[in-house]
């Protein structure tokens, strides 16, 4: 009788534990921490809302000034690693299979977004550091004197770079003025000087791409590529609402790229995460955003960009940007977009490729150079 009572007590205890576990699981499902599909009739409204929110935030930036501290890590493999090891490091010891380069730089920027004028003062914060990521072996700390200033308008770009240096000292600069066209923006400006609002975007602005998707849905009933369909999911946690949007894209026959974006009400539905995955599900690209709000405008506080490659989707590029000293819609100091703000000293060269003229900088003036 005592044994039967003991066994019954054990059985009740086991059942109670199971019920408690089920209650915990069910409770966690009800907290809203998991993304759930949204009904098809809500897709249009959600995409339109996100596009409008991001567009309004973008348009609220008239002038933007601040500083970006960027840390970039690049990992080279195979023949490229061997080349970098021999040409860029101390090249001491055995050639590694992989070489990791770490670069730290700062960009002080000013943007008059309405007039299309942008300024950047970029300089290195520390020497280049090379390591073997597999063993941790240091491959050298290489001096890295970079101090470039650039001005871009809708018509031209002026870049000022170090032409003569001695140790850590800048002896001379050369400034070059060139015509700016939309086809040349990326190759001649670089990613430091032109419209810093592009650092907040996902490539082509969503307020342009989402309407195209909606037009496709209106015409075809849904957005689908070879059976891979657009998906929108929602998660509510307390007062925070998040949407996760996955868009398929065809790269080549049988090969697809799936872009997943997350938008949070905490940041007025500006993008917080982008992930791009290949057909096999392995990560190809990842970007993150956190924001600082000034007035009702959301500006980046920290962004990251990571690229992955190879069969194992190993990290090959990692960039972190931290934004400080941000000023929104305040007057930009006079002369910011003038050639006098290029860091030139008396005797430095100024080459105007548009007018096919060469000058010498002297007492804040450009004096035609002797032929």
Protein backbone atom coordinates (compact mmCIF):
# COMPACT_ATOMS: atom_id res chain seq x y z
CA UNK A 1 0.00 0.00 0.00
CA UNK A 2 2.88 2.36 0.90
CA UNK A 3 4.74 1.61 -2.37
CA UNK A 4 1.59 2.24 -4.45
CA UNK A 5 1.09 5.56 -2.66
CA UNK A 6 4.74 6.50 -3.27
CA UNK A 7 4.50 5.61 -6.97
CA UNK A 8 1.29 7.60 -7.27
CA UNK A 9 2.97 10.56 -5.62
CA UNK A 10 5.93 10.32 -8.05
CA UNK A 11 3.53 10.13 -11.00
CA UNK A 12 1.68 13.23 -9.85
CA UNK A 13 4.98 15.05 -9.43
CA UNK A 14 6.05 14.16 -12.98
CA UNK A 15 2.69 15.24 -14.40
CA UNK A 16 2.89 18.52 -12.45
CA UNK A 17 6.37 19.22 -13.82
CA UNK A 18 5.21 18.51 -17.36
CA UNK A 19 2.24 20.81 -16.94
CA UNK A 20 4.48 23.55 -15.52
CA UNK A 21 6.84 23.20 -18.48
CA UNK A 22 3.94 23.36 -20.93
CA UNK A 23 2.67 26.46 -19.16
CA UNK A 24 6.07 28.10 -19.46
CA UNK A 25 6.27 27.25 -23.17
CA UNK A 26 2.74 28.45 -23.82
CA UNK A 27 3.41 31.61 -21.85
CA UNK A 28 6.54 32.35 -23.91
CA UNK A 29 4.52 31.95 -27.11
CA UNK A 30 2.06 34.52 -25.84
CA UNK A 31 4.74 37.11 -25.06
CA UNK A 32 4.97 37.97 -28.75
CA UNK A 33 8.73 37.35 -28.99
CA UNK A 34 8.32 35.28 -32.15
CA UNK A 35 7.65 36.67 -35.62
CA UNK A 36 4.30 35.63 -37.08
CA UNK A 37 3.08 35.95 -40.72
CA UNK A 38 0.83 38.91 -41.41
CA UNK A 39 -2.42 38.45 -43.34
CA UNK A 40 -2.09 39.06 -47.11
CA UNK A 41 -4.51 41.99 -46.97
CA UNK A 42 -2.06 43.89 -44.70
CA UNK A 43 0.97 43.63 -46.99
CA UNK A 44 0.21 46.77 -49.01
CA UNK A 45 -0.38 48.90 -45.93
CA UNK A 46 2.79 47.72 -44.17
CA UNK A 47 5.10 48.26 -47.14
CA UNK A 48 3.59 51.68 -47.82
CA UNK A 49 3.93 52.70 -44.17
CA UNK A 50 7.61 51.65 -44.00
CA UNK A 51 8.47 53.40 -47.26
CA UNK A 52 6.73 56.62 -46.17
CA UNK A 53 8.38 56.61 -42.73
CA UNK A 54 11.88 56.18 -44.17
CA UNK A 55 11.27 58.74 -46.90
CA UNK A 56 9.99 61.36 -44.44
CA UNK A 57 12.97 60.78 -42.16
CA UNK A 58 15.38 61.09 -45.09
CA UNK A 59 13.74 64.29 -46.33
CA UNK A 60 13.86 65.87 -42.87
CA UNK A 61 17.68 66.03 -43.12
CA UNK A 62 18.52 69.39 -44.70
CA UNK A 63 22.04 69.80 -43.32
CA UNK A 64 24.01 67.20 -41.41
CA UNK A 65 27.39 67.58 -39.72
CA UNK A 66 29.34 65.21 -37.53
CA UNK A 67 32.13 62.70 -37.17
CA UNK A 68 32.41 59.02 -38.04
CA UNK A 69 34.99 56.75 -36.41
CA UNK A 70 35.34 53.77 -38.71
CA UNK A 71 37.10 50.49 -38.01
CA UNK A 72 37.54 48.17 -40.98
CA UNK A 73 38.82 44.60 -40.94
CA UNK A 74 39.57 42.77 -44.19
CA UNK A 75 40.62 39.12 -44.41
CA UNK A 76 42.56 37.98 -47.48
CA UNK A 77 42.89 34.33 -48.51
CA UNK A 78 44.94 32.23 -50.93
CA UNK A 79 47.00 34.06 -53.58
CA UNK A 80 45.64 37.42 -52.41
CA UNK A 81 46.85 36.71 -48.87
CA UNK A 82 50.29 35.85 -50.21
CA UNK A 83 50.44 39.06 -52.23
CA UNK A 84 49.39 41.23 -49.28
CA UNK A 85 51.85 39.44 -46.99
CA UNK A 86 54.77 40.05 -49.35
CA UNK A 87 53.87 43.57 -50.51
CA UNK A 88 52.25 45.19 -47.49
CA UNK A 89 53.58 43.57 -44.31
CA UNK A 90 57.02 42.99 -42.83
CA UNK A 91 56.99 39.63 -44.67
CA UNK A 92 58.82 37.87 -41.86
CA UNK A 93 58.40 34.13 -41.38
CA UNK A 94 56.19 31.62 -43.13
CA UNK A 95 53.51 32.89 -45.51
CA UNK A 96 50.12 32.44 -43.79
CA UNK A 97 47.04 31.01 -45.46
CA UNK A 98 45.10 34.09 -44.47
CA UNK A 99 46.01 37.70 -43.66
CA UNK A 100 43.86 40.06 -41.62
CA UNK A 101 44.21 43.84 -42.04
CA UNK A 102 42.75 46.29 -39.54
CA UNK A 103 42.34 49.96 -40.43
CA UNK A 104 41.06 52.73 -38.15
CA UNK A 105 40.09 56.11 -39.57
CA UNK A 106 37.94 59.13 -38.84
CA UNK A 107 35.78 61.16 -41.21
CA UNK A 108 34.64 64.64 -40.25
CA UNK A 109 31.79 65.53 -42.58
CA UNK A 110 29.39 68.29 -43.51
CA UNK A 111 26.46 67.89 -45.88
CA UNK A 112 24.19 70.52 -47.39
CA UNK A 113 21.68 68.01 -48.71
CA UNK A 114 19.39 70.53 -50.36
CA UNK A 115 22.19 72.05 -52.45
CA UNK A 116 24.05 68.79 -53.02
CA UNK A 117 27.31 69.99 -51.42
CA UNK A 118 29.36 67.58 -49.32
CA UNK A 119 32.65 67.83 -47.47
CA UNK A 120 34.83 65.21 -45.81
CA UNK A 121 38.08 65.35 -43.89
CA UNK A 122 39.39 61.80 -43.59
CA UNK A 123 42.46 60.80 -41.59
CA UNK A 124 43.91 57.62 -40.13
CA UNK A 125 43.74 57.15 -36.35
CA UNK A 126 46.37 54.44 -36.05
CA UNK A 127 48.85 52.40 -38.11
CA UNK A 128 47.66 49.49 -40.22
CA UNK A 129 47.81 46.22 -38.30
CA UNK A 130 48.33 42.90 -40.06
CA UNK A 131 47.87 39.53 -38.35
CA UNK A 132 47.47 35.86 -39.13
CA UNK A 133 43.88 35.21 -37.95
CA UNK A 134 44.52 31.47 -37.65
CA UNK A 135 47.52 31.68 -35.31
CA UNK A 136 47.21 35.21 -33.96
CA UNK A 137 50.75 35.99 -35.14
CA UNK A 138 51.48 39.66 -35.73
CA UNK A 139 52.61 40.30 -39.28
CA UNK A 140 53.53 43.93 -38.78
CA UNK A 141 52.31 47.36 -37.73
CA UNK A 142 52.68 49.61 -40.75
CA UNK A 143 52.63 53.43 -40.66
CA UNK A 144 49.54 54.72 -42.41
CA UNK A 145 49.61 58.46 -42.98
CA UNK A 146 46.29 59.15 -44.68
CA UNK A 147 44.81 62.64 -44.53
CA UNK A 148 42.52 63.42 -47.44
CA UNK A 149 40.01 66.22 -47.80
CA UNK A 150 37.28 66.17 -50.41
CA UNK A 151 34.58 68.55 -51.57
CA UNK A 152 31.77 67.38 -53.84
CA UNK A 153 29.04 69.42 -55.49
CA UNK A 154 26.51 68.49 -58.13
CA UNK A 155 29.00 69.63 -60.79
CA UNK A 156 32.50 68.74 -59.59
CA UNK A 157 34.71 66.98 -57.06
CA UNK A 158 37.88 68.42 -55.53
CA UNK A 159 40.14 65.95 -53.75
CA UNK A 160 43.16 66.98 -51.74
CA UNK A 161 45.68 64.26 -50.91
CA UNK A 162 49.16 64.03 -49.42
CA UNK A 163 51.71 64.14 -52.24
CA UNK A 164 54.94 64.46 -50.20
CA UNK A 165 55.45 63.20 -46.66
CA UNK A 166 58.35 62.76 -44.30
CA UNK A 167 57.68 60.27 -41.54
CA UNK A 168 54.46 61.36 -39.88
CA UNK A 169 54.63 64.88 -41.32
CA UNK A 170 52.82 66.20 -44.39
CA UNK A 171 55.25 68.16 -46.57
CA UNK A 172 53.02 68.89 -49.57
CA UNK A 173 49.52 68.35 -50.91
CA UNK A 174 47.98 68.22 -54.34
CA UNK A 175 44.34 69.10 -55.03
CA UNK A 176 42.57 67.88 -58.17
CA UNK A 177 39.27 69.21 -59.48
CA UNK A 178 37.26 66.97 -61.80
CA UNK A 179 33.81 66.96 -63.33
CA UNK A 180 31.22 64.95 -61.46
CA UNK A 181 28.67 62.83 -63.25
CA UNK A 182 26.22 60.32 -61.87
CA UNK A 183 28.13 57.50 -63.56
CA UNK A 184 31.37 58.51 -61.84
CA UNK A 185 30.12 59.18 -58.34
CA UNK A 186 31.17 55.92 -56.73
CA UNK A 187 34.55 55.65 -58.42
CA UNK A 188 35.68 59.24 -57.88
CA UNK A 189 34.01 60.21 -54.60
CA UNK A 190 34.49 57.10 -52.58
CA UNK A 191 32.13 56.18 -49.74
CA UNK A 192 33.32 58.88 -47.34
CA UNK A 193 32.34 62.13 -48.98
CA UNK A 194 29.08 62.01 -50.82
CA UNK A 195 25.65 62.22 -49.35
CA UNK A 196 26.00 60.67 -45.87
CA UNK A 197 22.30 59.85 -45.95
CA UNK A 198 23.27 56.97 -48.24
CA UNK A 199 24.79 55.33 -45.15
CA UNK A 200 21.25 55.03 -43.79
CA UNK A 201 19.79 53.35 -46.86
CA UNK A 202 19.60 49.79 -48.14
CA UNK A 203 20.87 50.57 -51.63
CA UNK A 204 18.11 51.86 -53.87
CA UNK A 205 15.73 53.82 -51.58
CA UNK A 206 12.89 51.69 -50.29
CA UNK A 207 10.38 54.42 -51.08
CA UNK A 208 11.27 53.72 -54.72
CA UNK A 209 11.58 49.93 -54.63
CA UNK A 210 8.55 49.13 -52.45
CA UNK A 211 6.07 50.90 -54.79
CA UNK A 212 7.48 48.80 -57.65
CA UNK A 213 6.86 45.66 -55.60
CA UNK A 214 3.34 46.82 -54.82
CA UNK A 215 2.69 47.45 -58.52
CA UNK A 216 3.87 43.92 -59.27
CA UNK A 217 1.58 42.49 -56.56
CA UNK A 218 -1.37 44.50 -57.87
CA UNK A 219 -0.78 43.14 -61.37
CA UNK A 220 0.10 39.52 -60.52
CA UNK A 221 -1.61 38.88 -57.19
CA UNK A 222 1.62 38.31 -55.25
CA UNK A 223 5.37 38.87 -55.49
CA UNK A 224 7.03 35.58 -56.37
CA UNK A 225 10.14 34.47 -58.25
CA UNK A 226 10.21 30.83 -59.35
CA UNK A 227 8.05 29.83 -56.41
CA UNK A 228 9.92 31.95 -53.84
CA UNK A 229 7.49 34.52 -52.46
CA UNK A 230 7.71 37.80 -50.59
CA UNK A 231 7.13 37.26 -46.87
CA UNK A 232 6.21 39.79 -44.19
CA UNK A 233 6.14 38.86 -40.51
CA UNK A 234 5.26 40.82 -37.41
CA UNK A 235 6.41 40.69 -33.80
CA UNK A 236 4.97 42.66 -30.89
CA UNK A 237 6.88 42.82 -27.62
CA UNK A 238 5.30 45.19 -25.13
CA UNK A 239 5.02 48.55 -26.86
CA UNK A 240 7.50 47.65 -29.61
CA UNK A 241 6.36 46.42 -33.01
CA UNK A 242 8.77 44.96 -35.54
CA UNK A 243 8.26 43.87 -39.12
CA UNK A 244 10.49 41.40 -40.93
CA UNK A 245 10.36 41.56 -44.72
CA UNK A 246 11.99 38.88 -46.89
CA UNK A 247 12.31 39.58 -50.61
CA UNK A 248 13.59 36.94 -53.06
CA UNK A 249 15.75 37.85 -56.03
CA UNK A 250 17.16 35.84 -58.92
CA UNK A 251 20.94 36.00 -59.42
CA UNK A 252 21.22 33.43 -62.20
CA UNK A 253 19.21 30.38 -63.35
CA UNK A 254 18.58 28.30 -60.24
CA UNK A 255 20.48 30.72 -57.98
CA UNK A 256 18.68 33.16 -55.71
CA UNK A 257 19.46 35.80 -53.14
CA UNK A 258 17.07 36.37 -50.25
CA UNK A 259 17.14 39.78 -48.58
CA UNK A 260 15.66 40.06 -45.10
CA UNK A 261 15.04 43.47 -43.53
CA UNK A 262 13.81 44.31 -40.04
CA UNK A 263 12.05 47.57 -39.13
CA UNK A 264 11.26 48.61 -35.57
CA UNK A 265 8.75 51.06 -34.12
CA UNK A 266 11.46 52.06 -31.60
CA UNK A 267 13.20 53.80 -34.52
CA UNK A 268 10.05 54.99 -36.29
CA UNK A 269 10.36 51.96 -38.62
CA UNK A 270 13.74 52.91 -40.01
CA UNK A 271 15.71 49.81 -40.97
CA UNK A 272 17.66 48.09 -38.17
CA UNK A 273 18.87 44.92 -39.88
CA UNK A 274 19.58 43.61 -43.37
CA UNK A 275 20.68 40.08 -44.12
CA UNK A 276 21.24 38.64 -47.57
CA UNK A 277 21.46 34.86 -47.94
CA UNK A 278 22.24 32.60 -50.85
CA UNK A 279 20.08 29.76 -52.12
CA UNK A 280 21.78 27.37 -49.68
CA UNK A 281 20.79 29.64 -46.79
CA UNK A 282 24.32 30.79 -46.02
CA UNK A 283 24.91 34.41 -45.11
CA UNK A 284 26.32 36.69 -47.81
CA UNK A 285 25.83 40.17 -46.29
CA UNK A 286 24.75 41.59 -42.94
CA UNK A 287 24.14 45.22 -41.95
CA UNK A 288 22.89 46.68 -38.68
CA UNK A 289 21.78 50.15 -37.56
CA UNK A 290 21.19 51.78 -34.20
CA UNK A 291 19.93 55.35 -34.07
CA UNK A 292 20.08 58.65 -32.22
CA UNK A 293 16.98 60.80 -32.40
CA UNK A 294 17.32 64.57 -32.79
CA UNK A 295 13.94 66.24 -32.63
CA UNK A 296 11.86 63.78 -34.62
CA UNK A 297 14.66 62.72 -37.00
CA UNK A 298 16.54 59.45 -36.62
CA UNK A 299 20.27 59.57 -37.40
CA UNK A 300 22.65 56.60 -37.25
CA UNK A 301 24.53 56.17 -33.98
CA UNK A 302 26.30 52.94 -34.93
CA UNK A 303 26.30 50.90 -38.13
CA UNK A 304 28.00 47.65 -39.09
CA UNK A 305 28.58 45.99 -42.45
CA UNK A 306 29.83 42.43 -42.84
CA UNK A 307 30.53 40.43 -45.99
CA UNK A 308 30.88 36.64 -46.10
CA UNK A 309 32.26 34.41 -48.82
CA UNK A 310 33.20 30.84 -49.66
CA UNK A 311 31.50 27.54 -49.04
CA UNK A 312 31.55 28.11 -45.29
CA UNK A 313 30.38 31.73 -45.52
CA UNK A 314 33.42 32.98 -43.62
CA UNK A 315 33.71 36.62 -42.65
CA UNK A 316 35.83 38.52 -45.20
CA UNK A 317 34.98 42.17 -44.47
CA UNK A 318 33.84 43.90 -41.30
CA UNK A 319 33.20 47.63 -40.93
CA UNK A 320 31.92 49.40 -37.84
CA UNK A 321 31.02 53.11 -37.89
CA UNK A 322 30.35 55.11 -34.74
CA UNK A 323 28.76 58.55 -35.22
CA UNK A 324 29.43 61.43 -32.82
CA UNK A 325 29.13 65.23 -32.65
CA UNK A 326 26.01 65.06 -34.80
CA UNK A 327 24.36 68.34 -35.76
CA UNK A 328 21.10 68.40 -37.68
CA UNK A 329 19.74 71.28 -39.75
CA UNK A 330 22.15 73.84 -38.33
CA UNK A 331 24.06 76.45 -40.31
CA UNK A 332 27.25 75.12 -41.90
CA UNK A 333 30.29 77.38 -41.34
CA UNK A 334 31.03 79.67 -44.25
CA UNK A 335 33.80 78.41 -46.50
CA UNK A 336 33.25 74.72 -45.69
CA UNK A 337 32.80 73.87 -49.38
CA UNK A 338 35.56 76.22 -50.59
CA UNK A 339 38.96 75.15 -51.94
CA UNK A 340 40.37 77.10 -49.00
CA UNK A 341 39.14 74.27 -46.76
CA UNK A 342 41.29 71.60 -48.42
CA UNK A 343 44.23 71.87 -46.03
CA UNK A 344 46.48 73.42 -48.68
CA UNK A 345 49.58 75.41 -47.73
CA UNK A 346 51.56 77.95 -49.71
CA UNK A 347 53.26 76.25 -52.64
CA UNK A 348 50.84 73.32 -52.88
CA UNK A 349 49.48 72.39 -56.30
CA UNK A 350 45.89 72.73 -57.51
CA UNK A 351 45.01 71.03 -60.80
CA UNK A 352 41.74 71.94 -62.51
CA UNK A 353 41.06 69.16 -65.02
CA UNK A 354 37.80 70.78 -66.09
CA UNK A 355 39.48 74.03 -67.19
CA UNK A 356 42.76 72.28 -68.02
CA UNK A 357 44.67 74.66 -65.75
CA UNK A 358 47.31 74.26 -63.05
CA UNK A 359 47.71 76.58 -60.09
CA UNK A 360 49.86 77.17 -57.04
CA UNK A 361 48.12 77.84 -53.75
CA UNK A 362 49.42 81.08 -52.24
CA UNK A 363 47.90 83.07 -49.37
CA UNK A 364 44.43 81.53 -49.89
CA UNK A 365 44.51 82.32 -53.59
CA UNK A 366 45.11 80.20 -56.68
CA UNK A 367 47.97 81.58 -58.78
CA UNK A 368 48.32 80.21 -62.34
CA UNK A 369 51.39 78.00 -62.48
CA UNK A 370 54.18 78.77 -64.92
CA UNK A 371 54.11 76.53 -67.98
